[in-house]
Amino acid sequence: MQINSAKELVVYQKAYELSMRIFGLSKTFPPEERYALTSQIRRASRSTCLNLREAWAKRRYEAHFVSKLTDCDGENAETDSCLDFARDCGYVPPTDHQALTGLCAEVGKMLGSMMLRPEKFLIPANRTARPTSDL
């Protein structure tokens, strides 16, 4: 099966789900966290998805692709740490924390697999470029 968009990747779908679940949960954080933990956890979780989309666009160059996947993995790890802070501050119940950090771990494993075998996702070098129009 050919994948035409990063949105079709299971890892993207799981990272997006994680981000949206965090968004919903973070609405209950106290107002004093608005510009601190609330903002940080939302940005980190969204950045995992956004960097994955950038990585997908850089599939012609293995080093660039892996570099962006590394950024994804870092943002995912940051999300996991933010979830720990949220739990320890009493903003996230232990059951929600466990479910969300489990999803973080799943996303991290998938990203790790992609980084170990990037060739499965790269655009082949012999593939011709799109034709350009005469300007």
C-alpha atoms as a PDB file:
ATOM      1  CA  MET A   1       0.000   0.000   0.000  1.00  0.00           C
ATOM      2  CA  GLN A   2       1.382   3.374  -0.993  1.00  0.00           C
ATOM      3  CA  ILE A   3       1.125   6.158   1.557  1.00  0.00           C
ATOM      4  CA  ASN A   4       0.546   9.537  -0.039  1.00  0.00           C
ATOM      5  CA  SER A   5       0.373  11.731   3.046  1.00  0.00           C
ATOM      6  CA  ALA A   6       1.817  11.797   6.550  1.00  0.00           C
ATOM      7  CA  LYS A   7      -1.784  11.877   7.730  1.00  0.00           C
ATOM      8  CA  GLU A   8      -2.111   8.254   6.576  1.00  0.00           C
ATOM      9  CA  LEU A   9       0.690   7.083   8.888  1.00  0.00           C
ATOM     10  CA  VAL A  10      -0.511   5.303  12.039  1.00  0.00           C
ATOM     11  CA  VAL A  11       2.141   7.155  14.041  1.00  0.00           C
ATOM     12  CA  TYR A  12       0.721  10.499  12.851  1.00  0.00           C
ATOM     13  CA  GLN A  13      -2.825   9.451  13.716  1.00  0.00           C
ATOM     14  CA  LYS A  14      -1.785   8.351  17.205  1.00  0.00           C
ATOM     15  CA  ALA A  15       0.252  11.522  17.794  1.00  0.00           C
ATOM     16  CA  TYR A  16      -2.714  13.608  16.631  1.00  0.00           C
ATOM     17  CA  GLU A  17      -5.070  11.711  18.915  1.00  0.00           C
ATOM     18  CA  LEU A  18      -2.662  12.270  21.819  1.00  0.00           C
ATOM     19  CA  SER A  19      -2.474  15.982  21.068  1.00  0.00           C
ATOM     20  CA  MET A  20      -6.247  16.353  20.927  1.00  0.00           C
ATOM     21  CA  ARG A  21      -6.760  14.381  24.143  1.00  0.00           C
ATOM     22  CA  ILE A  22      -4.183  16.574  25.873  1.00  0.00           C
ATOM     23  CA  PHE A  23      -5.916  19.686  24.548  1.00  0.00           C
ATOM     24  CA  GLY A  24      -9.226  18.572  26.033  1.00  0.00           C
ATOM     25  CA  LEU A  25      -7.687  17.607  29.354  1.00  0.00           C
ATOM     26  CA  SER A  26      -5.599  20.784  29.598  1.00  0.00           C
ATOM     27  CA  LYS A  27      -8.782  22.884  29.489  1.00  0.00           C
ATOM     28  CA  THR A  28      -9.267  21.843  33.116  1.00  0.00           C
ATOM     29  CA  PHE A  29      -5.822  23.059  34.253  1.00  0.00           C
ATOM     30  CA  PRO A  30      -5.918  26.045  36.633  1.00  0.00           C
ATOM     31  CA  PRO A  31      -5.818  29.550  35.124  1.00  0.00           C
ATOM     32  CA  GLU A  32      -2.368  30.264  36.606  1.00  0.00           C
ATOM     33  CA  GLU A  33      -0.966  27.529  34.336  1.00  0.00           C
ATOM     34  CA  ARG A  34      -2.320  29.144  31.152  1.00  0.00           C
ATOM     35  CA  TYR A  35       1.056  30.560  30.086  1.00  0.00           C
ATOM     36  CA  ALA A  36       3.104  27.790  31.650  1.00  0.00           C
ATOM     37  CA  LEU A  37       2.242  24.099  31.698  1.00  0.00           C
ATOM     38  CA  THR A  38      -0.972  24.403  29.670  1.00  0.00           C
ATOM     39  CA  SER A  39       0.788  26.202  26.850  1.00  0.00           C
ATOM     40  CA  GLN A  40       3.891  23.993  27.037  1.00  0.00           C
ATOM     41  CA  ILE A  41       2.086  20.644  26.912  1.00  0.00           C
ATOM     42  CA  ARG A  42      -0.141  21.781  24.059  1.00  0.00           C
ATOM     43  CA  ARG A  43       2.818  23.067  22.021  1.00  0.00           C
ATOM     44  CA  ALA A  44       4.941  19.967  22.600  1.00  0.00           C
ATOM     45  CA  SER A  45       2.164  17.533  21.693  1.00  0.00           C
ATOM     46  CA  ARG A  46       1.208  19.497  18.576  1.00  0.00           C
ATOM     47  CA  SER A  47       4.828  19.861  17.563  1.00  0.00           C
ATOM     48  CA  THR A  48       5.200  16.095  17.354  1.00  0.00           C
ATOM     49  CA  CYS A  49       2.573  16.068  14.587  1.00  0.00           C
ATOM     50  CA  LEU A  50       3.865  19.197  12.894  1.00  0.00           C
ATOM     51  CA  ASN A  51       7.445  17.929  12.783  1.00  0.00           C
ATOM     52  CA  LEU A  52       6.205  14.624  11.391  1.00  0.00           C
ATOM     53  CA  ARG A  53       4.544  16.504   8.537  1.00  0.00           C
ATOM     54  CA  GLU A  54       7.826  18.346   7.919  1.00  0.00           C
ATOM     55  CA  ALA A  55       9.748  15.066   7.997  1.00  0.00           C
ATOM     56  CA  TRP A  56       7.372  13.621   5.412  1.00  0.00           C
ATOM     57  CA  ALA A  57       8.057  16.584   3.136  1.00  0.00           C
ATOM     58  CA  LYS A  58      11.821  15.966   3.466  1.00  0.00           C
ATOM     59  CA  ARG A  59      11.732  12.297   2.414  1.00  0.00           C
ATOM     60  CA  ARG A  60      13.949  12.938  -0.587  1.00  0.00           C
ATOM     61  CA  TYR A  61      16.915  13.429   1.756  1.00  0.00           C
ATOM     62  CA  GLU A  62      17.530  10.705   4.356  1.00  0.00           C
ATOM     63  CA  ALA A  63      19.545  12.904   6.731  1.00  0.00           C
ATOM     64  CA  HIS A  64      16.910  15.646   6.670  1.00  0.00           C
ATOM     65  CA  PHE A  65      14.117  13.104   7.144  1.00  0.00           C
ATOM     66  CA  VAL A  66      15.824  11.461  10.136  1.00  0.00           C
ATOM     67  CA  SER A  67      16.665  14.857  11.615  1.00  0.00           C
ATOM     68  CA  LYS A  68      13.001  15.899  11.586  1.00  0.00           C
ATOM     69  CA  LEU A  69      11.981  12.514  13.022  1.00  0.00           C
ATOM     70  CA  THR A  70      14.484  13.151  15.818  1.00  0.00           C
ATOM     71  CA  ASP A  71      12.740  16.474  16.462  1.00  0.00           C
ATOM     72  CA  CYS A  72       9.416  14.592  16.624  1.00  0.00           C
ATOM     73  CA  ASP A  73      10.856  12.173  19.140  1.00  0.00           C
ATOM     74  CA  GLY A  74      12.161  15.024  21.278  1.00  0.00           C
ATOM     75  CA  GLU A  75       8.797  16.781  21.301  1.00  0.00           C
ATOM     76  CA  ASN A  76       7.092  13.505  22.178  1.00  0.00           C
ATOM     77  CA  ALA A  77       9.494  13.058  25.118  1.00  0.00           C
ATOM     78  CA  GLU A  78       8.759  16.629  26.216  1.00  0.00           C
ATOM     79  CA  THR A  79       5.039  15.844  26.103  1.00  0.00           C
ATOM     80  CA  ASP A  80       5.653  12.827  28.337  1.00  0.00           C
ATOM     81  CA  SER A  81       7.543  14.968  30.867  1.00  0.00           C
ATOM     82  CA  CYS A  82       4.777  17.581  30.857  1.00  0.00           C
ATOM     83  CA  LEU A  83       2.279  14.827  31.597  1.00  0.00           C
ATOM     84  CA  ASP A  84       4.389  13.842  34.615  1.00  0.00           C
ATOM     85  CA  PHE A  85       4.305  17.436  35.879  1.00  0.00           C
ATOM     86  CA  ALA A  86       0.547  17.608  35.314  1.00  0.00           C
ATOM     87  CA  ARG A  87       0.040  14.401  37.296  1.00  0.00           C
ATOM     88  CA  ASP A  88       2.319  15.460  40.126  1.00  0.00           C
ATOM     89  CA  CYS A  89       0.628  18.874  40.360  1.00  0.00           C
ATOM     90  CA  GLY A  90      -2.725  17.127  40.638  1.00  0.00           C
ATOM     91  CA  TYR A  91      -4.094  18.318  37.278  1.00  0.00           C
ATOM     92  CA  VAL A  92      -4.308  14.869  35.669  1.00  0.00           C
ATOM     93  CA  PRO A  93      -5.741  11.784  37.378  1.00  0.00           C
ATOM     94  CA  PRO A  94      -3.369   8.780  37.496  1.00  0.00           C
ATOM     95  CA  THR A  95      -5.558   6.756  35.107  1.00  0.00           C
ATOM     96  CA  ASP A  96      -5.504   9.511  32.464  1.00  0.00           C
ATOM     97  CA  HIS A  97      -1.764   9.966  32.989  1.00  0.00           C
ATOM     98  CA  GLN A  98      -1.171   6.262  32.455  1.00  0.00           C
ATOM     99  CA  ALA A  99      -3.251   6.176  29.279  1.00  0.00           C
ATOM    100  CA  LEU A 100      -1.616   9.284  27.811  1.00  0.00           C
ATOM    101  CA  THR A 101       1.956   8.320  28.677  1.00  0.00           C
ATOM    102  CA  GLY A 102       1.216   4.880  27.221  1.00  0.00           C
ATOM    103  CA  LEU A 103       0.211   6.577  23.973  1.00  0.00           C
ATOM    104  CA  CYS A 104       3.401   8.682  24.155  1.00  0.00           C
ATOM    105  CA  ALA A 105       5.437   5.502  24.500  1.00  0.00           C
ATOM    106  CA  GLU A 106       3.666   3.953  21.530  1.00  0.00           C
ATOM    107  CA  VAL A 107       4.351   7.017  19.377  1.00  0.00           C
ATOM    108  CA  GLY A 108       7.986   6.999  20.536  1.00  0.00           C
ATOM    109  CA  LYS A 109       8.450   3.357  19.531  1.00  0.00           C
ATOM    110  CA  MET A 110       6.982   4.018  16.095  1.00  0.00           C
ATOM    111  CA  LEU A 111       9.224   7.043  15.580  1.00  0.00           C
ATOM    112  CA  GLY A 112      12.221   4.997  16.717  1.00  0.00           C
ATOM    113  CA  SER A 113      11.371   2.320  14.175  1.00  0.00           C
ATOM    114  CA  MET A 114      11.134   4.923  11.420  1.00  0.00           C
ATOM    115  CA  MET A 115      14.515   6.368  12.390  1.00  0.00           C
ATOM    116  CA  LEU A 116      16.103   2.905  12.323  1.00  0.00           C
ATOM    117  CA  ARG A 117      14.691   2.116   8.866  1.00  0.00           C
ATOM    118  CA  PRO A 118      14.178   5.438   7.084  1.00  0.00           C
ATOM    119  CA  GLU A 119      14.683   3.863   3.649  1.00  0.00           C
ATOM    120  CA  LYS A 120      11.178   2.394   3.851  1.00  0.00           C
ATOM    121  CA  PHE A 121       9.762   5.934   3.737  1.00  0.00           C
ATOM    122  CA  LEU A 122      12.147   7.781   1.431  1.00  0.00           C
ATOM    123  CA  ILE A 123      11.319   8.926  -2.072  1.00  0.00           C
ATOM    124  CA  PRO A 124      13.477   6.828  -4.422  1.00  0.00           C
ATOM    125  CA  ALA A 125      16.328   8.774  -6.014  1.00  0.00           C
ATOM    126  CA  ASN A 126      15.443   7.534  -9.500  1.00  0.00           C
ATOM    127  CA  ARG A 127      11.935   8.947  -9.305  1.00  0.00           C
ATOM    128  CA  THR A 128      11.615  11.847 -11.705  1.00  0.00           C
ATOM    129  CA  ALA A 129      10.699  15.281 -10.487  1.00  0.00           C
ATOM    130  CA  ARG A 130       7.338  16.782 -11.291  1.00  0.00           C
ATOM    131  CA  PRO A 131       7.256  18.582 -14.603  1.00  0.00           C
ATOM    132  CA  THR A 132       7.449  22.329 -14.326  1.00  0.00           C
ATOM    133  CA  SER A 133       5.406  24.688 -16.390  1.00  0.00           C
ATOM    134  CA  ASP A 134       6.872  27.363 -18.610  1.00  0.00           C
ATOM    135  CA  LEU A 135       6.653  30.574 -16.681  1.00  0.00           C
END
